[in-house]
């Protein structure tokens, strides 16, 4: 297969007709062997007008998208470039042909290793790759003249904009999970000017800072109402609590404090583990507390076994919601799951096991939790604001 001819055909049919004019970029696209950055079984499709899978849920971008992002960086050969998302290493190779030094961050160790092997095998010596959370940038090597982000995010994480030098350019696909727009940020005398370019679709950027999402005042009020309601539900008008109830409130308050006072949702990993541990301990202790009224308690007691089954069920459902959500960002719906479904179940389960009735205060608490859940849901305008 004549890959040189395929590269020339790619440039003439995919890039030039779409308005790409920078001859340095076009020559680089003609030069770099894209087929070496995909699996051997897919090399015959390497120069097709499409993105291709490289494993680990990642892709090598469409040739046109690589070219247009490179052209928008306005490289002259003297720049120090930061790339977020090494992937196959193809974009890094294109950048290395046009810039002085390329620093690339990849969170998946296997992809970083394969990319490094490919790039060194071809002969690139001005590309530096490390395995890390790309949302944090590469502080040790900052500032950078150019920053290119090859994965989608609801917004550009602040540390990376801060690592951009004056007169620098940052390029990123910004938007929701299935539709983004290339944003070009130009830094001049400390101020940022934004330009909006072509629509695109990239795989989501994964990292600690992407998960943080600003929230509006109504979410704060919703969480506050749910927290008050949870307290009333747990005490049920007696103003006393068993250990399970107390632990439920303490765990919920950890999340509530973060949301109400920082104005951001916590990262997925934090809330996931907090919720999983909370579900298990609260359900188990609530059952134990309900049995303290003269019943023998064993690990194989049916009610405890049911509690453990419910723990697994809630943890599984929550993990599914997080993994399938757009950009894997914690949403008000996830907060509702934490503040409503799980604690309410744990407390009602304890009342049922102890044959107690839910009093007026408990009912009021349940209503406040439901009200908080409704209030914390985003409006249509908020949903579209990303």
Protein backbone atom coordinates (compact mmCIF):
# COMPACT_ATOMS: atom_id res chain seq x y z
CA UNK A 1 0.00 0.00 0.00
CA UNK A 2 1.42 3.37 -1.03
CA UNK A 3 1.01 5.45 2.15
CA UNK A 4 2.79 8.46 0.60
CA UNK A 5 0.15 8.64 -2.09
CA UNK A 6 -2.60 8.25 0.50
CA UNK A 7 -1.21 11.15 2.52
CA UNK A 8 -1.09 13.36 -0.57
CA UNK A 9 -4.64 12.35 -1.45
CA UNK A 10 -5.73 13.16 2.13
CA UNK A 11 -4.29 16.67 1.90
CA UNK A 12 -5.76 17.39 -1.56
CA UNK A 13 -9.25 16.02 -0.87
CA UNK A 14 -9.82 16.58 2.85
CA UNK A 15 -7.76 19.60 3.94
CA UNK A 16 -7.29 22.08 1.09
CA UNK A 17 -10.96 22.03 -0.04
CA UNK A 18 -12.00 22.85 3.55
CA UNK A 19 -9.96 26.03 3.62
CA UNK A 20 -6.67 25.01 5.23
CA UNK A 21 -3.98 27.30 3.80
CA UNK A 22 -0.90 27.19 6.05
CA UNK A 23 1.70 25.49 3.82
CA UNK A 24 3.81 24.44 6.80
CA UNK A 25 0.84 22.60 8.28
CA UNK A 26 -0.09 21.01 4.95
CA UNK A 27 3.51 19.88 4.35
CA UNK A 28 3.62 18.37 7.83
CA UNK A 29 0.39 16.48 7.22
CA UNK A 30 1.98 15.13 4.02
CA UNK A 31 5.10 14.08 5.93
CA UNK A 32 4.02 12.45 9.22
CA UNK A 33 3.12 8.73 8.78
CA UNK A 34 -0.33 8.64 10.38
CA UNK A 35 -0.67 4.89 9.73
CA UNK A 36 2.09 4.18 12.27
CA UNK A 37 -0.10 5.62 15.04
CA UNK A 38 -2.93 3.11 14.68
CA UNK A 39 -3.14 -0.64 15.06
CA UNK A 40 -1.69 -2.57 12.13
CA UNK A 41 -5.09 -4.06 11.35
CA UNK A 42 -6.48 -0.54 10.79
CA UNK A 43 -3.62 1.02 8.85
CA UNK A 44 -5.49 0.80 5.55
CA UNK A 45 -8.03 3.26 7.03
CA UNK A 46 -5.50 5.61 8.63
CA UNK A 47 -5.96 8.35 6.01
CA UNK A 48 -9.74 8.14 5.81
CA UNK A 49 -11.74 11.23 6.74
CA UNK A 50 -12.66 9.95 10.19
CA UNK A 51 -11.48 9.35 13.74
CA UNK A 52 -10.28 5.84 14.57
CA UNK A 53 -10.25 3.88 17.81
CA UNK A 54 -6.89 3.38 19.55
CA UNK A 55 -8.27 1.39 22.49
CA UNK A 56 -9.00 2.38 26.10
CA UNK A 57 -12.08 4.27 24.88
CA UNK A 58 -9.88 6.81 23.08
CA UNK A 59 -9.49 7.82 19.42
CA UNK A 60 -7.00 9.30 17.00
CA UNK A 61 -8.67 12.45 15.71
CA UNK A 62 -9.91 12.94 12.15
CA UNK A 63 -7.06 14.30 9.94
CA UNK A 64 -8.98 17.50 9.25
CA UNK A 65 -9.45 18.18 12.96
CA UNK A 66 -5.74 17.63 13.65
CA UNK A 67 -4.85 20.01 10.83
CA UNK A 68 -7.31 22.76 11.73
CA UNK A 69 -6.31 22.74 15.42
CA UNK A 70 -2.65 22.89 14.44
CA UNK A 71 -3.26 25.80 12.06
CA UNK A 72 -5.17 27.73 14.72
CA UNK A 73 -2.13 27.51 17.04
CA UNK A 74 -0.19 29.75 14.60
CA UNK A 75 3.15 28.00 15.19
CA UNK A 76 6.37 29.53 13.84
CA UNK A 77 8.91 27.00 15.16
CA UNK A 78 10.07 28.68 18.37
CA UNK A 79 7.19 27.72 20.66
CA UNK A 80 7.04 25.53 23.73
CA UNK A 81 3.75 23.61 23.46
CA UNK A 82 1.68 21.77 26.06
CA UNK A 83 -0.64 19.04 24.76
CA UNK A 84 -3.33 17.59 27.03
CA UNK A 85 -4.21 14.08 25.89
CA UNK A 86 -1.33 12.32 24.15
CA UNK A 87 -3.53 9.51 22.85
CA UNK A 88 -1.81 7.81 19.92
CA UNK A 89 0.92 10.46 19.75
CA UNK A 90 -0.04 11.62 16.23
CA UNK A 91 -0.96 15.18 17.21
CA UNK A 92 2.26 15.42 19.24
CA UNK A 93 4.25 14.37 16.15
CA UNK A 94 2.56 17.06 14.03
CA UNK A 95 3.32 19.66 16.71
CA UNK A 96 6.94 18.50 17.04
CA UNK A 97 7.48 19.22 13.34
CA UNK A 98 6.31 22.80 13.75
CA UNK A 99 7.37 23.83 17.30
CA UNK A 100 10.54 23.82 19.38
CA UNK A 101 9.44 21.55 22.25
CA UNK A 102 6.27 19.56 22.94
CA UNK A 103 5.18 18.51 26.42
CA UNK A 104 2.31 16.02 26.40
CA UNK A 105 0.25 14.70 29.32
CA UNK A 106 -1.69 11.43 29.14
CA UNK A 107 -3.68 9.89 32.00
CA UNK A 108 -3.70 6.33 30.60
CA UNK A 109 -0.29 4.74 31.19
CA UNK A 110 -0.61 2.16 28.40
CA UNK A 111 -1.37 4.79 25.75
CA UNK A 112 1.46 7.01 26.99
CA UNK A 113 3.92 4.11 26.78
CA UNK A 114 2.84 3.11 23.26
CA UNK A 115 2.94 6.72 22.03
CA UNK A 116 6.41 7.24 23.46
CA UNK A 117 7.68 4.06 21.80
CA UNK A 118 6.23 5.10 18.44
CA UNK A 119 7.58 8.64 18.59
CA UNK A 120 11.06 7.55 19.63
CA UNK A 121 11.02 4.88 16.93
CA UNK A 122 10.26 7.49 14.28
CA UNK A 123 13.02 9.71 15.64
CA UNK A 124 11.36 12.52 17.58
CA UNK A 125 13.54 13.88 20.38
CA UNK A 126 11.68 17.09 21.22
CA UNK A 127 8.57 15.40 22.65
CA UNK A 128 8.26 14.82 26.40
CA UNK A 129 5.44 12.64 27.73
CA UNK A 130 4.28 12.04 31.28
CA UNK A 131 1.41 10.10 32.82
CA UNK A 132 -0.71 12.41 34.94
CA UNK A 133 -4.04 14.19 35.32
CA UNK A 134 -4.17 16.48 32.29
CA UNK A 135 -6.61 18.87 33.94
CA UNK A 136 -3.73 20.02 36.15
CA UNK A 137 -1.48 20.83 33.20
CA UNK A 138 2.30 20.56 33.68
CA UNK A 139 3.19 23.15 36.30
CA UNK A 140 6.88 22.23 36.50
CA UNK A 141 7.43 23.21 32.86
CA UNK A 142 5.11 26.23 32.71
CA UNK A 143 4.63 28.71 31.18
CA UNK A 144 3.83 27.51 27.67
CA UNK A 145 3.57 29.51 24.47
CA UNK A 146 0.76 27.25 23.19
CA UNK A 147 -1.62 24.85 24.91
CA UNK A 148 -3.76 22.39 22.97
CA UNK A 149 -6.43 20.25 24.63
CA UNK A 150 -7.49 17.20 22.65
CA UNK A 151 -10.45 16.13 24.79
CA UNK A 152 -13.78 17.80 25.52
CA UNK A 153 -14.67 19.62 28.73
CA UNK A 154 -17.54 21.84 29.90
CA UNK A 155 -14.97 24.59 30.45
CA UNK A 156 -11.22 25.07 30.42
CA UNK A 157 -9.77 24.18 33.87
CA UNK A 158 -8.21 27.24 35.44
CA UNK A 159 -4.67 25.90 36.06
CA UNK A 160 -4.05 25.46 32.36
CA UNK A 161 -5.10 28.98 31.45
CA UNK A 162 -2.73 30.13 34.20
CA UNK A 163 0.14 28.17 32.62
CA UNK A 164 -0.21 30.07 29.35
CA UNK A 165 2.45 32.72 28.70
CA UNK A 166 1.63 36.24 27.58
CA UNK A 167 0.93 36.39 23.83
CA UNK A 168 0.12 32.68 24.09
CA UNK A 169 -2.72 30.71 22.52
CA UNK A 170 -4.84 28.01 24.15
CA UNK A 171 -7.08 25.81 22.02
CA UNK A 172 -9.78 23.54 23.44
CA UNK A 173 -13.04 21.80 22.44
CA UNK A 174 -15.63 23.12 24.90
CA UNK A 175 -19.20 21.90 25.30
CA UNK A 176 -21.27 18.93 26.40
CA UNK A 177 -20.59 15.24 25.86
CA UNK A 178 -21.79 14.98 22.27
CA UNK A 179 -21.19 18.44 20.79
CA UNK A 180 -18.42 20.96 21.32
CA UNK A 181 -16.94 24.01 19.66
CA UNK A 182 -13.26 24.82 19.28
CA UNK A 183 -12.43 27.78 21.49
CA UNK A 184 -9.25 29.74 20.81
CA UNK A 185 -8.09 31.75 23.81
CA UNK A 186 -5.50 34.46 23.12
CA UNK A 187 -3.67 35.95 26.10
CA UNK A 188 -2.56 39.59 25.78
CA UNK A 189 -1.17 41.59 28.71
CA UNK A 190 -2.85 39.30 31.19
CA UNK A 191 -6.30 39.40 29.60
CA UNK A 192 -7.95 36.61 27.64
CA UNK A 193 -9.75 37.11 24.33
CA UNK A 194 -11.83 34.23 22.98
CA UNK A 195 -12.52 33.22 19.39
CA UNK A 196 -15.10 30.59 18.43
CA UNK A 197 -14.32 28.23 15.59
CA UNK A 198 -15.57 24.96 14.11
CA UNK A 199 -17.97 22.54 15.78
CA UNK A 200 -16.46 19.20 16.78
CA UNK A 201 -16.92 16.02 18.82
CA UNK A 202 -14.11 14.78 21.09
CA UNK A 203 -13.93 12.11 23.76
CA UNK A 204 -14.46 13.60 27.24
CA UNK A 205 -11.57 14.98 29.25
CA UNK A 206 -11.21 13.02 32.47
CA UNK A 207 -9.60 14.53 35.54
CA UNK A 208 -10.06 16.00 38.98
CA UNK A 209 -10.78 19.58 37.95
CA UNK A 210 -13.21 18.74 35.15
CA UNK A 211 -15.51 17.19 37.73
CA UNK A 212 -15.80 20.45 39.62
CA UNK A 213 -18.81 22.29 38.30
CA UNK A 214 -20.15 25.64 39.44
CA UNK A 215 -23.68 25.57 40.80
CA UNK A 216 -26.41 28.15 41.10
CA UNK A 217 -28.10 29.50 44.21
CA UNK A 218 -31.17 27.31 43.83
CA UNK A 219 -29.00 24.19 44.19
CA UNK A 220 -27.56 25.56 47.43
CA UNK A 221 -31.08 26.17 48.77
CA UNK A 222 -32.17 22.72 47.66
CA UNK A 223 -29.27 21.06 49.43
CA UNK A 224 -29.88 23.13 52.56
CA UNK A 225 -33.58 22.16 52.63
CA UNK A 226 -32.69 18.50 52.09
CA UNK A 227 -30.19 18.60 54.96
CA UNK A 228 -32.75 20.11 57.35
CA UNK A 229 -35.32 17.58 56.16
CA UNK A 230 -32.90 14.74 56.75
CA UNK A 231 -32.36 15.88 60.34
CA UNK A 232 -36.11 16.04 60.99
CA UNK A 233 -36.59 12.63 59.41
CA UNK A 234 -33.87 11.02 61.48
CA UNK A 235 -35.04 12.48 64.79
CA UNK A 236 -38.75 11.97 63.96
CA UNK A 237 -39.79 14.52 66.59
CA UNK A 238 -38.04 12.70 69.44
CA UNK A 239 -34.84 14.75 69.00
CA UNK A 240 -32.84 11.58 69.65
CA UNK A 241 -30.99 9.47 67.11
CA UNK A 242 -29.41 6.05 66.96
CA UNK A 243 -25.91 5.62 65.60
CA UNK A 244 -27.14 4.87 62.09
CA UNK A 245 -29.18 8.09 61.94
CA UNK A 246 -26.28 10.11 63.31
CA UNK A 247 -23.88 8.68 60.75
CA UNK A 248 -26.35 9.38 57.96
CA UNK A 249 -26.49 13.06 58.91
CA UNK A 250 -22.73 13.38 59.37
CA UNK A 251 -21.97 11.86 55.97
CA UNK A 252 -24.63 13.96 54.25
CA UNK A 253 -23.28 17.10 55.93
CA UNK A 254 -19.82 16.42 54.46
CA UNK A 255 -21.29 16.70 50.97
CA UNK A 256 -23.63 19.57 51.91
CA UNK A 257 -20.78 21.62 53.39
CA UNK A 258 -18.78 21.32 50.17
CA UNK A 259 -21.72 22.29 47.96
CA UNK A 260 -23.18 25.11 50.05
CA UNK A 261 -19.92 26.84 50.97
CA UNK A 262 -17.74 26.26 47.90
CA UNK A 263 -20.45 26.50 45.25
CA UNK A 264 -19.10 23.47 43.40
CA UNK A 265 -19.98 19.81 43.08
CA UNK A 266 -17.32 17.53 44.47
CA UNK A 267 -15.34 15.24 42.14
CA UNK A 268 -16.94 11.98 41.09
CA UNK A 269 -14.48 9.85 43.01
CA UNK A 270 -15.06 11.72 46.29
CA UNK A 271 -18.86 11.51 46.17
CA UNK A 272 -18.85 7.95 44.87
CA UNK A 273 -16.72 6.60 47.69
CA UNK A 274 -18.45 8.73 50.31
CA UNK A 275 -21.83 7.46 49.18
CA UNK A 276 -20.74 3.84 48.91
CA UNK A 277 -19.27 3.82 52.41
CA UNK A 278 -22.23 5.77 53.76
CA UNK A 279 -24.74 3.32 52.30
CA UNK A 280 -22.98 0.30 53.74
CA UNK A 281 -22.36 1.62 57.23
CA UNK A 282 -25.67 3.42 57.65
CA UNK A 283 -27.77 0.50 56.49
CA UNK A 284 -25.86 -1.92 58.70
CA UNK A 285 -25.84 0.28 61.81
CA UNK A 286 -29.49 1.24 61.35
CA UNK A 287 -30.38 -2.43 61.33
CA UNK A 288 -28.26 -3.11 64.39
CA UNK A 289 -29.80 -0.16 66.22
CA UNK A 290 -33.27 -1.44 65.41
CA UNK A 291 -32.40 -4.83 66.88
CA UNK A 292 -31.09 -3.51 70.18
CA UNK A 293 -34.58 -3.76 71.63
CA UNK A 294 -34.06 -7.30 72.92
CA UNK A 295 -33.42 -9.24 69.68
CA UNK A 296 -30.31 -11.28 69.06
CA UNK A 297 -28.17 -9.98 66.24
CA UNK A 298 -26.02 -12.17 64.01
CA UNK A 299 -24.32 -11.42 60.72
CA UNK A 300 -26.63 -13.87 59.00
CA UNK A 301 -29.74 -12.22 60.42
CA UNK A 302 -32.18 -11.73 57.46
CA UNK A 303 -32.56 -7.99 58.02
CA UNK A 304 -28.81 -7.42 58.04
CA UNK A 305 -28.41 -9.50 54.91
CA UNK A 306 -31.15 -7.47 53.22
CA UNK A 307 -29.36 -4.28 54.28
CA UNK A 308 -26.12 -5.48 52.71
CA UNK A 309 -27.94 -6.40 49.49
CA UNK A 310 -29.43 -2.90 49.34
CA UNK A 311 -25.94 -1.45 49.91
CA UNK A 312 -24.66 -3.22 46.82
CA UNK A 313 -27.75 -2.20 44.83
CA UNK A 314 -27.42 1.52 45.64
CA UNK A 315 -23.68 1.54 45.02
CA UNK A 316 -24.21 -0.11 41.64
CA UNK A 317 -26.99 2.28 40.62
CA UNK A 318 -24.96 5.31 41.66
CA UNK A 319 -21.86 4.09 39.82
CA UNK A 320 -23.99 3.52 36.70
CA UNK A 321 -25.46 7.04 36.87
CA UNK A 322 -22.02 8.58 37.21
CA UNK A 323 -20.43 6.55 34.42
CA UNK A 324 -23.26 7.22 31.96
CA UNK A 325 -23.66 10.92 32.71
CA UNK A 326 -22.37 13.48 30.23
CA UNK A 327 -18.69 14.20 30.89
CA UNK A 328 -18.97 12.08 34.06
CA UNK A 329 -19.82 15.28 35.94
CA UNK A 330 -21.81 15.08 39.16
CA UNK A 331 -25.22 16.59 38.52
CA UNK A 332 -28.04 17.74 40.80
CA UNK A 333 -29.70 14.40 40.09
CA UNK A 334 -26.78 12.63 41.73
CA UNK A 335 -27.02 14.97 44.71
CA UNK A 336 -30.72 14.12 44.92
CA UNK A 337 -29.81 10.44 45.03
CA UNK A 338 -27.49 11.05 47.96
CA UNK A 339 -29.80 13.34 49.94
CA UNK A 340 -33.09 11.66 49.22
CA UNK A 341 -33.14 8.07 48.07
CA UNK A 342 -30.39 6.52 50.18
CA UNK A 343 -30.81 8.29 53.55
CA UNK A 344 -34.62 8.09 53.39
CA UNK A 345 -34.43 4.39 52.68
CA UNK A 346 -31.96 3.77 55.51
CA UNK A 347 -34.08 5.60 58.07
CA UNK A 348 -37.41 4.14 56.94
CA UNK A 349 -35.83 0.70 56.92
CA UNK A 350 -34.77 1.15 60.54
CA UNK A 351 -38.29 2.29 61.51
CA UNK A 352 -39.78 -0.71 59.76
CA UNK A 353 -37.37 -3.11 61.48
CA UNK A 354 -38.17 -1.60 64.90
CA UNK A 355 -41.95 -1.48 64.18
CA UNK A 356 -42.07 2.27 64.74
CA UNK A 357 -44.28 4.77 62.93
CA UNK A 358 -43.13 7.85 61.12
CA UNK A 359 -44.35 10.90 63.04
CA UNK A 360 -45.33 14.35 61.80
CA UNK A 361 -41.78 15.66 62.10
CA UNK A 362 -40.48 12.72 60.14
CA UNK A 363 -43.09 13.32 57.45
CA UNK A 364 -42.16 17.00 57.37
CA UNK A 365 -38.52 16.01 56.96
CA UNK A 366 -39.36 13.70 54.07
CA UNK A 367 -41.31 16.51 52.36
CA UNK A 368 -38.39 18.95 52.81
CA UNK A 369 -36.01 16.43 51.27
CA UNK A 370 -38.29 15.99 48.27
CA UNK A 371 -38.66 19.77 47.96
CA UNK A 372 -34.89 20.19 48.10
CA UNK A 373 -34.52 17.57 45.40
CA UNK A 374 -36.94 19.44 43.10
CA UNK A 375 -35.40 22.86 43.78
CA UNK A 376 -31.87 21.61 43.09
CA UNK A 377 -32.71 20.42 39.57
CA UNK A 378 -31.32 22.70 36.84
CA UNK A 379 -33.67 24.74 34.70
CA UNK A 380 -33.63 24.47 30.92
CA UNK A 381 -31.44 27.56 30.61
CA UNK A 382 -28.98 26.16 33.13
CA UNK A 383 -28.81 22.86 31.27
CA UNK A 384 -27.90 24.68 28.10
CA UNK A 385 -25.37 27.01 29.70
CA UNK A 386 -22.46 24.61 29.27
